[in-house]
Protein backbone atom coordinates (compact mmCIF):
# COMPACT_ATOMS: atom_id res chain seq x y z
CA MET A 1 -17.30 -234.95 -189.29
CA ILE A 2 -16.24 -232.06 -187.02
CA GLY A 3 -18.99 -229.37 -186.27
CA ARG A 4 -18.45 -225.95 -185.22
CA LEU A 5 -15.63 -224.55 -183.24
CA ASN A 6 -16.55 -224.76 -179.53
CA HIS A 7 -13.51 -222.82 -178.21
CA VAL A 8 -9.68 -221.78 -178.36
CA ALA A 9 -7.96 -222.43 -175.17
CA ILE A 10 -5.23 -220.22 -173.90
CA ALA A 11 -3.03 -221.21 -171.00
CA VAL A 12 -2.29 -218.06 -168.77
CA PRO A 13 0.33 -217.63 -165.93
CA ASP A 14 -2.20 -215.34 -164.03
CA LEU A 15 -5.91 -216.23 -164.27
CA GLU A 16 -6.92 -213.25 -162.46
CA ALA A 17 -4.97 -210.92 -164.65
CA ALA A 18 -6.16 -212.46 -167.75
CA ARG A 19 -9.86 -212.42 -166.36
CA ALA A 20 -9.58 -208.72 -165.94
CA GLN A 21 -7.75 -207.98 -169.22
CA TYR A 22 -10.63 -209.62 -171.26
CA ARG A 23 -13.33 -208.10 -169.07
CA ASP A 24 -11.76 -204.42 -168.72
CA ALA A 25 -9.58 -204.03 -171.64
CA LEU A 26 -11.80 -205.95 -174.37
CA GLY A 27 -15.12 -205.61 -172.71
CA ALA A 28 -15.96 -209.39 -172.81
CA GLU A 29 -18.39 -211.32 -170.92
CA VAL A 30 -16.18 -213.44 -168.49
CA GLY A 31 -17.74 -216.50 -166.77
CA PRO A 32 -16.72 -217.69 -163.23
CA GLN A 33 -13.65 -219.59 -162.53
CA GLN A 34 -14.29 -223.41 -162.19
CA ASP A 35 -11.71 -226.05 -161.16
CA GLU A 36 -11.72 -229.19 -163.35
CA PRO A 37 -9.77 -231.63 -161.00
CA ASP A 38 -10.05 -234.52 -163.53
CA HIS A 39 -8.14 -232.59 -166.00
CA GLY A 40 -5.78 -230.53 -163.42
CA VAL A 41 -6.83 -227.13 -164.60
CA THR A 42 -8.89 -224.23 -163.33
CA VAL A 43 -10.84 -222.70 -166.41
CA VAL A 44 -12.65 -219.36 -167.18
CA PHE A 45 -14.80 -218.93 -170.27
CA ILE A 46 -15.07 -215.76 -172.13
CA GLU A 47 -18.32 -215.75 -174.16
CA LEU A 48 -18.04 -214.37 -177.67
CA PRO A 49 -20.91 -213.98 -180.35
CA ASN A 50 -19.68 -216.95 -182.27
CA THR A 51 -17.67 -219.08 -180.06
CA LYS A 52 -15.80 -218.98 -176.60
CA ILE A 53 -12.25 -218.49 -175.27
CA GLU A 54 -11.14 -220.90 -172.47
CA LEU A 55 -8.65 -219.44 -170.12
CA LEU A 56 -6.57 -222.40 -168.51
CA HIS A 57 -4.42 -222.09 -165.38
CA PRO A 58 -2.76 -225.23 -163.70
CA LEU A 59 -4.55 -226.85 -160.87
CA GLY A 60 -2.00 -228.72 -158.69
CA GLU A 61 1.56 -229.66 -159.27
CA ASP A 62 0.72 -232.42 -161.79
CA SER A 63 -1.19 -230.19 -164.20
CA PRO A 64 -0.58 -230.64 -167.79
CA ILE A 65 -0.72 -226.89 -168.20
CA ARG A 66 2.10 -226.41 -165.83
CA GLY A 67 4.43 -228.02 -168.19
CA PHE A 68 3.17 -225.88 -170.95
CA LEU A 69 3.41 -222.76 -169.16
CA ASP A 70 7.16 -223.76 -168.10
CA LYS A 71 7.94 -223.81 -171.80
CA ASN A 72 5.80 -220.87 -172.56
CA PRO A 73 6.11 -218.47 -169.62
CA SER A 74 3.82 -215.68 -170.92
CA GLY A 75 1.08 -218.30 -171.92
CA GLY A 76 -0.26 -219.11 -175.32
CA ILE A 77 -2.75 -221.00 -177.27
CA HIS A 78 -3.04 -224.46 -175.86
CA HIS A 79 -5.80 -226.21 -177.99
CA VAL A 80 -8.61 -225.96 -180.21
CA CYS A 81 -11.94 -227.61 -179.49
CA TYR A 82 -14.21 -228.76 -182.04
CA GLU A 83 -17.83 -230.08 -181.65
CA VAL A 84 -18.72 -233.67 -182.92
CA GLU A 85 -22.20 -235.34 -182.86
CA ASP A 86 -20.73 -238.78 -181.79
CA ILE A 87 -17.47 -238.86 -180.01
CA LEU A 88 -16.81 -242.50 -179.94
CA ALA A 89 -17.58 -242.59 -183.70
CA ALA A 90 -15.28 -239.79 -184.33
CA ARG A 91 -12.61 -241.38 -182.11
CA ASP A 92 -12.84 -244.69 -184.04
CA ARG A 93 -12.78 -243.11 -187.31
CA LEU A 94 -9.75 -240.90 -186.39
CA THR A 95 -7.66 -243.74 -184.89
CA GLY A 96 -8.57 -245.88 -187.93
CA GLN A 97 -6.96 -243.34 -189.94
CA GLY A 98 -3.84 -243.33 -187.80
CA ALA A 99 -4.65 -240.48 -185.22
CA ARG A 100 -3.58 -240.81 -181.68
CA VAL A 101 -5.79 -240.26 -178.81
CA LEU A 102 -4.29 -238.83 -175.65
CA GLY A 103 -4.72 -240.90 -172.49
CA ASP A 104 -6.51 -244.19 -172.33
CA GLY A 105 -8.67 -243.39 -175.35
CA ARG A 106 -12.00 -243.05 -173.21
CA PRO A 107 -13.72 -239.92 -173.21
CA LYS A 108 -13.66 -237.87 -169.99
CA THR A 109 -16.17 -235.29 -168.70
CA GLY A 110 -15.23 -231.78 -169.75
CA ALA A 111 -15.96 -228.31 -168.46
CA HIS A 112 -19.11 -228.08 -170.19
CA GLY A 113 -20.19 -231.54 -168.63
CA LYS A 114 -19.91 -233.11 -171.94
CA PRO A 115 -17.60 -236.02 -173.18
CA VAL A 116 -14.45 -234.87 -174.65
CA LEU A 117 -11.20 -236.31 -176.02
CA PHE A 118 -7.76 -234.95 -177.05
CA LEU A 119 -5.91 -235.80 -180.17
CA HIS A 120 -2.09 -235.81 -180.33
CA PRO A 121 -0.62 -232.40 -181.63
CA LYS A 122 1.84 -234.32 -183.86
CA ASP A 123 -1.04 -235.71 -185.72
CA PHE A 124 -2.70 -232.53 -186.53
CA ASN A 125 0.08 -229.95 -187.70
CA GLY A 126 1.56 -229.23 -183.98
CA CYS A 127 -2.13 -228.33 -182.90
CA LEU A 128 -3.57 -230.12 -179.86
CA ILE A 129 -7.17 -230.83 -180.72
CA GLU A 130 -9.92 -231.44 -178.37
CA LEU A 131 -13.24 -233.00 -179.52
CA GLU A 132 -16.40 -232.41 -177.56
CA GLU A 133 -19.53 -234.31 -178.03
CA VAL A 134 -22.81 -231.97 -178.37
């Protein structure tokens, strides 16, 4: 059901410092900063030959990333995103097997302009999973 790894998301306390580190120290291609108000985050994508890294920073006081950074002040891996061909079919299959979808269960538009859903980390070995329709 899942396809390729789309990205690994890392929550960062200082977005500019993280951008500079990936660009200058690692020589990575760093994309522009983009606000995603529906998700309460500002994101930057790092392009790699085989996938992407998504840097996440809180956007607003109600950002879910703020709570993550409160618990992990240095930042850390926040979620893993896998591609799926049909997000509604994937959702229905997973919920039929007992997985919990976060939020109201309806896909939202993600940072790539495609439908996304998040799956509860307690159902996936402590890892928050994002599914993105391709």
